[in-house]
Protein backbone atom coordinates (compact mmCIF):
# COMPACT_ATOMS: atom_id res chain seq x y z
CA UNK A 1 175.68 -146.70 228.60
CA UNK A 2 176.03 -143.16 229.91
CA UNK A 3 179.25 -141.23 229.53
CA UNK A 4 180.97 -140.34 232.78
CA UNK A 5 180.75 -136.71 233.74
CA UNK A 6 184.15 -135.02 233.95
CA UNK A 7 185.29 -134.11 237.42
CA UNK A 8 185.31 -130.35 237.85
CA UNK A 9 188.68 -129.01 238.91
CA UNK A 10 189.95 -125.58 239.72
CA UNK A 11 193.40 -124.05 239.29
CA UNK A 12 194.71 -122.03 242.22
CA UNK A 13 197.53 -119.57 241.53
CA UNK A 14 199.84 -119.15 244.52
CA UNK A 15 203.05 -117.30 245.23
CA UNK A 16 206.07 -118.84 246.95
CA UNK A 17 209.31 -117.31 248.23
CA UNK A 18 212.53 -118.47 246.47
CA UNK A 19 213.83 -120.93 249.12
CA UNK A 20 210.52 -122.78 249.30
CA UNK A 21 210.04 -122.60 245.54
CA UNK A 22 213.43 -124.24 244.99
CA UNK A 23 212.40 -127.20 247.19
CA UNK A 24 209.33 -127.75 244.99
CA UNK A 25 211.33 -127.53 241.75
CA UNK A 26 213.91 -130.03 243.04
CA UNK A 27 211.12 -132.33 244.33
CA UNK A 28 212.54 -132.08 247.85
CA UNK A 29 209.05 -131.37 249.11
CA UNK A 30 205.68 -132.68 247.94
CA UNK A 31 203.35 -130.73 250.20
CA UNK A 32 202.23 -127.19 250.90
CA UNK A 33 200.87 -125.75 254.13
CA UNK A 34 198.32 -123.08 253.26
CA UNK A 35 195.52 -121.09 254.81
CA UNK A 36 192.21 -122.82 254.21
CA UNK A 37 190.76 -119.82 252.40
CA UNK A 38 190.41 -121.07 248.83
CA UNK A 39 188.33 -124.22 249.03
CA UNK A 40 191.16 -126.56 247.98
CA UNK A 41 189.93 -129.95 246.79
CA UNK A 42 191.59 -133.20 245.76
CA UNK A 43 192.06 -133.09 241.98
CA UNK A 44 192.48 -129.32 241.81
CA UNK A 45 195.67 -127.86 240.37
CA UNK A 46 198.04 -125.31 241.84
CA UNK A 47 200.31 -123.07 239.82
CA UNK A 48 203.00 -121.87 242.18
CA UNK A 49 204.84 -118.75 241.06
CA UNK A 50 208.21 -117.74 242.49
CA UNK A 51 207.94 -114.40 244.30
CA UNK A 52 210.83 -112.29 245.63
CA UNK A 53 209.70 -110.06 248.50
CA UNK A 54 211.85 -106.94 248.24
CA UNK A 55 210.95 -103.79 250.13
CA UNK A 56 207.28 -102.93 250.20
CA UNK A 57 206.43 -104.34 246.79
CA UNK A 58 208.38 -107.40 245.60
CA UNK A 59 208.16 -109.05 242.21
CA UNK A 60 207.51 -112.33 240.43
CA UNK A 61 210.52 -113.92 238.71
CA UNK A 62 208.55 -115.55 235.89
CA UNK A 63 209.38 -119.07 237.11
CA UNK A 64 206.51 -121.34 238.09
CA UNK A 65 205.64 -124.96 238.77
CA UNK A 66 202.32 -126.74 238.32
CA UNK A 67 201.15 -129.58 240.54
CA UNK A 68 197.91 -131.44 241.14
CA UNK A 69 196.49 -131.74 244.65
CA UNK A 70 196.44 -135.44 245.53
CA UNK A 71 194.97 -134.99 248.99
CA UNK A 72 193.89 -132.21 251.34
CA UNK A 73 194.56 -132.70 255.05
CA UNK A 74 192.66 -130.65 257.63
CA UNK A 75 193.47 -130.16 261.34
CA UNK A 76 191.24 -133.14 262.26
CA UNK A 77 193.17 -135.38 259.84
CA UNK A 78 196.72 -134.79 261.04
CA UNK A 79 198.08 -133.53 264.36
CA UNK A 80 200.10 -130.37 264.02
CA UNK A 81 197.97 -128.61 261.43
CA UNK A 82 196.76 -125.37 262.95
CA UNK A 83 193.08 -124.46 262.75
CA UNK A 84 192.39 -122.46 259.60
CA UNK A 85 195.17 -124.19 257.66
CA UNK A 86 195.44 -127.25 255.40
CA UNK A 87 198.28 -129.44 254.17
CA UNK A 88 198.16 -130.11 250.44
CA UNK A 89 199.79 -133.31 249.23
CA UNK A 90 201.04 -132.52 245.72
CA UNK A 91 201.81 -134.67 242.70
CA UNK A 92 205.15 -134.57 240.99
CA UNK A 93 204.79 -131.61 238.71
CA UNK A 94 206.54 -129.84 235.98
CA UNK A 95 208.59 -126.69 236.03
CA UNK A 96 207.81 -123.88 233.62
């Protein structure tokens, strides 16, 4: 009997503005709309870091949440997703 090969996953680090970050922390939202520029795949992880855009620079607050991507929806999968974007269905995660 052969051992199953582990599924390769990738961790994407993303930034999120405070209002949207709060929704993720409170589990009021379980999806992300993102540009399709990172090769997101089901099973990958996202670490979402809270980012405060102030002036020309902005800063990270140090708060973050980790979620696993349960499904990736493309424009052909769901009406309303603009070309070049994806909707990421996220697992319930944990706040760091």
